[in-house]
Amino acid sequence: MIEVKIDYEKCTGCGKCARCCNFSVLEILDDAVAAGNPGKCTACLKCEAVCESGAIKIVWQSRKS
């Protein structure tokens, strides 16, 4: 399972991450980024790469049985 983590203290709300996401995982709401569709994330890491402030991290979570 993939988790999209956003550090809102670092996020500048520039929207680069949302614009580069081919799967519409991220969106801009009220001048801040939000993971509106985290289930669509493929962990391509484009959003991490374009985030100049380092506010986005894609984390693999193991499922608990």
Protein backbone atom coordinates (compact mmCIF):
# COMPACT_ATOMS: atom_id res chain seq x y z
CA MET A 1 0.00 0.00 0.00
CA ILE A 2 1.27 3.47 -0.89
CA GLU A 3 0.87 6.50 1.36
CA VAL A 4 1.23 10.08 0.14
CA LYS A 5 2.62 12.21 2.97
CA ILE A 6 2.49 15.99 2.79
CA ASP A 7 4.38 18.20 5.24
CA TYR A 8 2.16 21.28 5.33
CA GLU A 9 4.79 23.29 7.18
CA LYS A 10 7.09 22.90 4.16
CA CYS A 11 4.44 23.09 1.41
CA THR A 12 4.38 26.43 -0.41
CA GLY A 13 1.21 25.64 -2.39
CA CYS A 14 2.98 26.16 -5.72
CA GLY A 15 1.04 23.30 -7.35
CA LYS A 16 3.96 21.79 -9.30
CA CYS A 17 3.29 18.38 -7.77
CA ALA A 18 -0.39 18.41 -8.71
CA ARG A 19 0.37 19.51 -12.27
CA CYS A 20 2.98 16.78 -12.83
CA CYS A 21 0.85 13.91 -11.50
CA ASN A 22 -0.49 11.84 -14.40
CA PHE A 23 -2.97 10.05 -12.15
CA SER A 24 -4.69 13.04 -10.48
CA VAL A 25 -3.59 11.91 -7.03
CA LEU A 26 -2.76 15.43 -5.87
CA GLU A 27 -4.92 18.53 -6.12
CA ILE A 28 -4.77 22.12 -4.93
CA LEU A 29 -7.44 23.07 -2.40
CA ASP A 30 -7.45 26.49 -0.72
CA ASP A 31 -3.85 27.24 -1.80
CA ALA A 32 -2.50 23.96 -0.41
CA VAL A 33 -1.89 20.55 -1.93
CA ALA A 34 -4.04 17.61 -0.89
CA ALA A 35 -3.91 13.91 -1.72
CA GLY A 36 -7.46 13.71 -3.04
CA ASN A 37 -7.06 10.33 -4.72
CA PRO A 38 -4.22 8.49 -2.91
CA GLY A 39 -5.45 5.10 -4.08
CA LYS A 40 -4.45 6.02 -7.64
CA CYS A 41 -0.79 6.62 -6.71
CA THR A 42 1.66 4.40 -8.61
CA ALA A 43 4.72 5.62 -6.68
CA CYS A 44 6.35 7.07 -9.79
CA LEU A 45 7.88 9.73 -7.47
CA LYS A 46 7.46 12.60 -9.95
CA CYS A 47 5.78 14.70 -7.27
CA GLU A 48 8.70 14.19 -4.90
CA ALA A 49 11.15 15.17 -7.62
CA VAL A 50 9.44 18.45 -8.54
CA CYS A 51 8.76 19.54 -4.96
CA GLU A 52 11.48 22.10 -4.30
CA SER A 53 10.58 22.40 -0.62
CA GLY A 54 10.69 18.64 0.04
CA ALA A 55 7.13 18.62 1.36
CA ILE A 56 6.00 15.40 -0.35
CA LYS A 57 7.09 11.88 0.50
CA ILE A 58 5.77 8.67 -1.01
CA VAL A 59 5.95 5.86 1.53
CA TRP A 60 5.32 2.14 1.09
CA GLN A 61 3.23 0.75 3.95
CA SER A 62 3.06 -2.96 4.62
CA ARG A 63 -0.42 -4.31 5.17
CA LYS A 64 -1.26 -5.69 8.57
CA SER A 65 -2.92 -9.09 8.48
